[in-house]
Amino acid sequence: MLQDFKKFVLRGNVVDLAVGVVMGAAFATLVNSFTKAFITPLITKFAGKADFSKLTIVIGRSGKGLKPLVFPYGELLNALIAFIITAAVVFFFVVKPINHLLQRMRTEEPPDPTTRKCPECLSEIPIDARRCAFCTSELTAAA
């Protein structure tokens, strides 16, 4: 059983997946830091708010043992911005190039023709035909 587990773990796709997950997590941390350190201050500069990530909506009043509901939508907006940046980077730097490479690698040969054009009436006829079904002209052997 241990030998089978070792074969499973050392297969290429399992190792590739593990590397991809680690790199994705590191990239997500980088994008979150970039959003909080660069994008959020730029938005707050133009919006006129002091700290964009601390924007909240408060619903209800406190008193009699009740606490108001606080929704930190600034953090949600930070996460949304980070998600959009991550999705754009993945799309433009991973998906598009891979699709382009796959498209270039496709070298399917066109299928053998099964029809040809009649030299007299230019109708499509079977490649082995000796007479055109449309104009009834006799045909030479297929080239």
Protein backbone atom coordinates (compact mmCIF):
# COMPACT_ATOMS: atom_id res chain seq x y z
CA MET A 1 0.00 0.00 0.00
CA LEU A 2 2.86 2.41 0.79
CA GLN A 3 4.39 1.73 -2.62
CA ASP A 4 1.10 2.67 -4.34
CA PHE A 5 0.85 5.83 -2.24
CA LYS A 6 4.42 6.79 -3.19
CA LYS A 7 3.60 6.28 -6.89
CA PHE A 8 0.48 8.42 -6.51
CA VAL A 9 2.28 11.29 -4.77
CA LEU A 10 5.20 11.31 -7.17
CA ARG A 11 3.07 11.37 -10.30
CA GLY A 12 3.63 14.55 -12.28
CA ASN A 13 0.12 15.96 -12.08
CA VAL A 14 -0.07 15.71 -8.26
CA VAL A 15 3.23 17.57 -7.85
CA ASP A 16 2.17 20.15 -10.45
CA LEU A 17 -1.12 20.69 -8.64
CA ALA A 18 0.67 21.17 -5.30
CA VAL A 19 3.04 23.72 -6.83
CA GLY A 20 0.09 25.51 -8.45
CA VAL A 21 -1.80 25.75 -5.16
CA VAL A 22 1.24 27.12 -3.32
CA MET A 23 1.95 29.65 -6.08
CA GLY A 24 -1.72 30.66 -6.20
CA ALA A 25 -1.80 31.28 -2.46
CA ALA A 26 1.38 33.35 -2.65
CA PHE A 27 -0.02 35.34 -5.57
CA ALA A 28 -3.29 35.95 -3.72
CA THR A 29 -1.35 37.28 -0.72
CA LEU A 30 0.63 39.57 -3.01
CA VAL A 31 -2.53 40.90 -4.71
CA ASN A 32 -4.27 41.47 -1.35
CA SER A 33 -1.26 43.42 -0.07
CA PHE A 34 -1.11 45.43 -3.29
CA THR A 35 -4.81 46.24 -3.03
CA LYS A 36 -4.58 47.36 0.59
CA ALA A 37 -1.30 49.28 0.19
CA PHE A 38 -1.79 50.88 -3.22
CA ILE A 39 -5.27 50.63 -4.72
CA THR A 40 -7.26 51.42 -1.55
CA PRO A 41 -5.28 54.61 -0.77
CA LEU A 42 -5.75 55.79 -4.36
CA ILE A 43 -9.51 55.27 -4.12
CA THR A 44 -9.68 57.01 -0.75
CA LYS A 45 -7.68 59.94 -2.15
CA PHE A 46 -10.29 60.49 -4.85
CA ALA A 47 -13.29 59.58 -2.68
CA GLY A 48 -12.21 61.85 0.16
CA LYS A 49 -12.48 59.17 2.85
CA ALA A 50 -9.84 58.69 5.53
CA ASP A 51 -9.57 54.90 5.49
CA PHE A 52 -11.45 53.05 2.79
CA SER A 53 -11.08 49.60 4.36
CA LYS A 54 -12.82 50.73 7.57
CA LEU A 55 -16.03 51.90 5.89
CA THR A 56 -19.04 50.33 7.57
CA ILE A 57 -22.81 50.42 7.62
CA VAL A 58 -24.40 50.33 11.08
CA ILE A 59 -27.96 49.05 11.46
CA GLY A 60 -29.84 49.36 14.72
CA ARG A 61 -29.09 51.09 18.03
CA SER A 62 -27.29 49.84 21.07
CA GLY A 63 -29.04 49.63 24.39
CA LYS A 64 -30.87 47.18 26.61
CA GLY A 65 -28.28 44.49 25.91
CA LEU A 66 -28.57 44.82 22.12
CA LYS A 67 -25.64 45.63 19.88
CA PRO A 68 -26.04 47.29 16.50
CA LEU A 69 -25.24 45.28 13.39
CA VAL A 70 -22.04 46.47 11.72
CA PHE A 71 -21.33 45.57 8.09
CA PRO A 72 -17.70 46.33 7.06
CA TYR A 73 -18.29 46.91 3.35
CA GLY A 74 -14.86 48.52 2.93
CA GLU A 75 -13.22 45.14 3.51
CA LEU A 76 -15.67 43.57 1.07
CA LEU A 77 -14.72 46.16 -1.55
CA ASN A 78 -11.02 45.45 -0.91
CA ALA A 79 -11.65 41.74 -1.45
CA LEU A 80 -13.66 42.46 -4.61
CA ILE A 81 -10.87 44.62 -6.04
CA ALA A 82 -8.29 41.93 -5.20
CA PHE A 83 -10.48 39.29 -6.88
CA ILE A 84 -10.86 41.38 -10.05
CA ILE A 85 -7.10 41.99 -10.24
CA THR A 86 -6.38 38.28 -9.70
CA ALA A 87 -8.94 37.22 -12.31
CA ALA A 88 -7.56 39.71 -14.84
CA VAL A 89 -3.98 38.55 -14.31
CA VAL A 90 -4.92 34.88 -14.58
CA PHE A 91 -7.00 35.53 -17.71
CA PHE A 92 -4.50 37.71 -19.56
CA PHE A 93 -1.26 36.02 -18.46
CA VAL A 94 -2.34 32.35 -18.20
CA VAL A 95 -5.58 31.56 -20.04
CA LYS A 96 -5.06 33.67 -23.18
CA PRO A 97 -1.43 32.54 -23.79
CA ILE A 98 -2.30 28.87 -23.20
CA ASN A 99 -5.29 29.09 -25.56
CA HIS A 100 -3.08 30.77 -28.16
CA LEU A 101 -0.42 28.05 -27.84
CA LEU A 102 -3.01 25.28 -28.06
CA GLN A 103 -4.50 26.89 -31.17
CA ARG A 104 -1.07 27.05 -32.81
CA MET A 105 -0.29 23.45 -31.88
CA ARG A 106 -3.42 22.09 -33.56
CA THR A 107 -2.26 20.70 -36.86
CA GLU A 108 -5.25 18.68 -37.96
CA GLU A 109 -5.00 17.76 -41.60
CA PRO A 110 -8.08 18.49 -43.65
CA PRO A 111 -10.12 15.37 -44.37
CA ASP A 112 -9.78 13.71 -47.76
CA PRO A 113 -12.27 15.25 -50.18
CA THR A 114 -15.28 13.14 -51.07
CA THR A 115 -16.62 15.46 -53.76
CA ARG A 116 -15.27 17.53 -56.64
CA LYS A 117 -16.67 20.17 -58.97
CA CYS A 118 -17.99 19.27 -62.38
CA PRO A 119 -15.84 21.11 -64.99
CA GLU A 120 -18.94 21.90 -67.08
CA CYS A 121 -21.59 23.08 -64.60
CA LEU A 122 -19.44 23.47 -61.41
CA SER A 123 -21.86 21.35 -59.34
CA GLU A 124 -20.57 19.23 -56.47
CA ILE A 125 -20.39 15.59 -57.53
CA PRO A 126 -18.88 12.47 -55.90
CA ILE A 127 -15.17 12.17 -56.53
CA ASP A 128 -15.50 8.78 -58.30
CA ALA A 129 -18.38 9.84 -60.59
CA ARG A 130 -17.97 9.24 -64.38
CA ARG A 131 -20.97 11.36 -65.36
CA CYS A 132 -22.35 14.55 -63.78
CA ALA A 133 -25.78 14.05 -62.22
CA PHE A 134 -26.76 17.64 -63.02
CA CYS A 135 -25.57 18.32 -66.56
CA THR A 136 -24.95 14.67 -67.62
CA SER A 137 -21.59 15.48 -69.15
CA GLU A 138 -19.03 12.69 -69.20
CA LEU A 139 -16.15 13.24 -66.83
CA THR A 140 -12.54 12.20 -66.94
CA ALA A 141 -11.00 10.26 -64.05
CA ALA A 142 -10.63 12.15 -60.80
CA ALA A 143 -7.34 14.01 -60.51
